[in-house]
C-alpha atoms as a PDB file:
ATOM      1  CA  MET A   1     180.941 131.721   2.024  1.00  0.00           C
ATOM      2  CA  SER A   2     182.618 132.650   5.257  1.00  0.00           C
ATOM      3  CA  LYS A   3     183.447 136.251   4.313  1.00  0.00           C
ATOM      4  CA  LYS A   4     180.983 139.100   4.248  1.00  0.00           C
ATOM      5  CA  ILE A   5     182.088 142.162   2.315  1.00  0.00           C
ATOM      6  CA  TYR A   6     180.453 145.546   2.772  1.00  0.00           C
ATOM      7  CA  SER A   7     181.493 148.347   0.449  1.00  0.00           C
ATOM      8  CA  ASP A   8     179.768 151.543  -0.646  1.00  0.00           C
ATOM      9  CA  ILE A   9     178.910 152.130   2.999  1.00  0.00           C
ATOM     10  CA  ALA A  10     176.940 155.277   3.802  1.00  0.00           C
ATOM     11  CA  SER A  11     179.645 156.589   6.106  1.00  0.00           C
ATOM     12  CA  ASN A  12     181.935 159.596   6.146  1.00  0.00           C
ATOM     13  CA  ALA A  13     184.670 157.589   7.875  1.00  0.00           C
ATOM     14  CA  ILE A  14     184.436 153.949   6.734  1.00  0.00           C
ATOM     15  CA  ASP A  15     185.117 152.860   3.160  1.00  0.00           C
ATOM     16  CA  SER A  16     184.623 149.098   3.520  1.00  0.00           C
ATOM     17  CA  VAL A  17     184.297 146.282   6.055  1.00  0.00           C
ATOM     18  CA  ILE A  18     185.156 142.617   5.530  1.00  0.00           C
ATOM     19  CA  ILE A  19     184.058 140.102   8.169  1.00  0.00           C
ATOM     20  CA  ASP A  20     185.653 136.644   8.099  1.00  0.00           C
ATOM     21  CA  ASN A  21     183.697 134.101  10.141  1.00  0.00           C
ATOM     22  CA  GLU A  22     186.373 131.396   9.835  1.00  0.00           C
ATOM     23  CA  THR A  23     189.169 133.488  11.354  1.00  0.00           C
ATOM     24  CA  ASN A  24     186.972 135.775  13.521  1.00  0.00           C
ATOM     25  CA  GLN A  25     188.621 138.783  11.915  1.00  0.00           C
ATOM     26  CA  VAL A  26     187.243 142.105  10.741  1.00  0.00           C
ATOM     27  CA  VAL A  27     189.123 144.184   8.155  1.00  0.00           C
ATOM     28  CA  VAL A  28     188.231 147.879   8.078  1.00  0.00           C
ATOM     29  CA  LYS A  29     189.336 150.362   5.429  1.00  0.00           C
ATOM     30  CA  TYR A  30     188.880 153.948   6.493  1.00  0.00           C
ATOM     31  CA  LYS A  31     188.306 156.735   3.962  1.00  0.00           C
ATOM     32  CA  SER A  32     191.115 158.755   5.539  1.00  0.00           C
ATOM     33  CA  SER A  33     193.787 156.153   4.742  1.00  0.00           C
ATOM     34  CA  GLU A  34     194.786 153.724   2.015  1.00  0.00           C
ATOM     35  CA  LYS A  35     195.729 151.187   4.684  1.00  0.00           C
ATOM     36  CA  SER A  36     193.340 148.521   5.913  1.00  0.00           C
ATOM     37  CA  TYR A  37     193.225 147.586   9.587  1.00  0.00           C
ATOM     38  CA  THR A  38     192.630 144.024  10.731  1.00  0.00           C
ATOM     39  CA  TYR A  39     190.901 143.367  14.029  1.00  0.00           C
ATOM     40  CA  SER A  40     190.131 140.158  15.886  1.00  0.00           C
ATOM     41  CA  THR A  41     186.749 139.540  17.454  1.00  0.00           C
ATOM     42  CA  GLU A  42     185.464 136.726  19.636  1.00  0.00           C
ATOM     43  CA  ASP A  43     182.396 136.081  17.475  1.00  0.00           C
ATOM     44  CA  ALA A  44     182.445 137.376  13.904  1.00  0.00           C
ATOM     45  CA  GLU A  45     178.866 136.278  13.245  1.00  0.00           C
ATOM     46  CA  GLU A  46     177.597 138.241  16.251  1.00  0.00           C
ATOM     47  CA  PHE A  47     179.629 141.272  15.178  1.00  0.00           C
ATOM     48  CA  ASN A  48     178.100 140.981  11.704  1.00  0.00           C
ATOM     49  CA  THR A  49     174.616 140.935  13.226  1.00  0.00           C
ATOM     50  CA  GLN A  50     175.390 144.093  15.224  1.00  0.00           C
ATOM     51  CA  LEU A  51     176.812 145.806  12.134  1.00  0.00           C
ATOM     52  CA  LEU A  52     173.717 144.953  10.096  1.00  0.00           C
ATOM     53  CA  ALA A  53     171.569 146.472  12.845  1.00  0.00           C
ATOM     54  CA  GLU A  54     173.547 149.706  12.392  1.00  0.00           C
ATOM     55  CA  PHE A  55     172.887 149.599   8.633  1.00  0.00           C
ATOM     56  CA  ASP A  56     169.169 149.176   9.324  1.00  0.00           C
ATOM     57  CA  ASP A  57     169.121 152.293  11.502  1.00  0.00           C
ATOM     58  CA  LEU A  58     171.191 154.711   9.421  1.00  0.00           C
ATOM     59  CA  GLU A  59     169.047 157.716  10.342  1.00  0.00           C
ATOM     60  CA  THR A  60     170.333 157.645  13.908  1.00  0.00           C
ATOM     61  CA  ALA A  61     173.349 155.333  13.629  1.00  0.00           C
ATOM     62  CA  SER A  62     176.903 156.043  12.559  1.00  0.00           C
ATOM     63  CA  ILE A  63     179.029 153.199  11.207  1.00  0.00           C
ATOM     64  CA  GLY A  64     182.242 155.044  12.154  1.00  0.00           C
ATOM     65  CA  LYS A  65     180.967 155.605  15.693  1.00  0.00           C
ATOM     66  CA  PHE A  66     179.932 151.947  15.915  1.00  0.00           C
ATOM     67  CA  MET A  67     183.445 150.853  14.862  1.00  0.00           C
ATOM     68  CA  ASN A  68     185.100 153.214  17.353  1.00  0.00           C
ATOM     69  CA  GLN A  69     182.834 151.977  20.153  1.00  0.00           C
ATOM     70  CA  SER A  70     183.566 148.369  19.198  1.00  0.00           C
ATOM     71  CA  VAL A  71     187.300 149.020  19.530  1.00  0.00           C
ATOM     72  CA  SER A  72     187.024 151.001  22.778  1.00  0.00           C
ATOM     73  CA  GLN A  73     184.717 148.375  24.344  1.00  0.00           C
ATOM     74  CA  GLY A  74     187.062 145.541  23.358  1.00  0.00           C
ATOM     75  CA  ARG A  75     184.754 143.843  20.855  1.00  0.00           C
ATOM     76  CA  LEU A  76     187.412 144.518  18.217  1.00  0.00           C
ATOM     77  CA  GLN A  77     191.108 144.213  18.984  1.00  0.00           C
ATOM     78  CA  LEU A  78     193.686 145.493  16.514  1.00  0.00           C
ATOM     79  CA  ILE A  79     196.047 142.835  15.216  1.00  0.00           C
ATOM     80  CA  GLN A  80     199.539 144.295  15.005  1.00  0.00           C
ATOM     81  CA  ASP A  81     201.343 143.965  11.685  1.00  0.00           C
END
């Protein structure tokens, strides 16, 4: 399956993340909004690996911070509706 779905995330900001390897897109649903945001990424599999590393290190990591850094560093680019 080309989609990886993460829900029930231990995060105050992120409700769910869907990573689609076929389209290189990442869909993020924030807890503060009913809307989902779709981002493009150059390598969805690599992004998935980085996200899983954040899950493995939840004591010091923040999924919301990771997502914000990914956007600000250009690893995720918002696709306009």
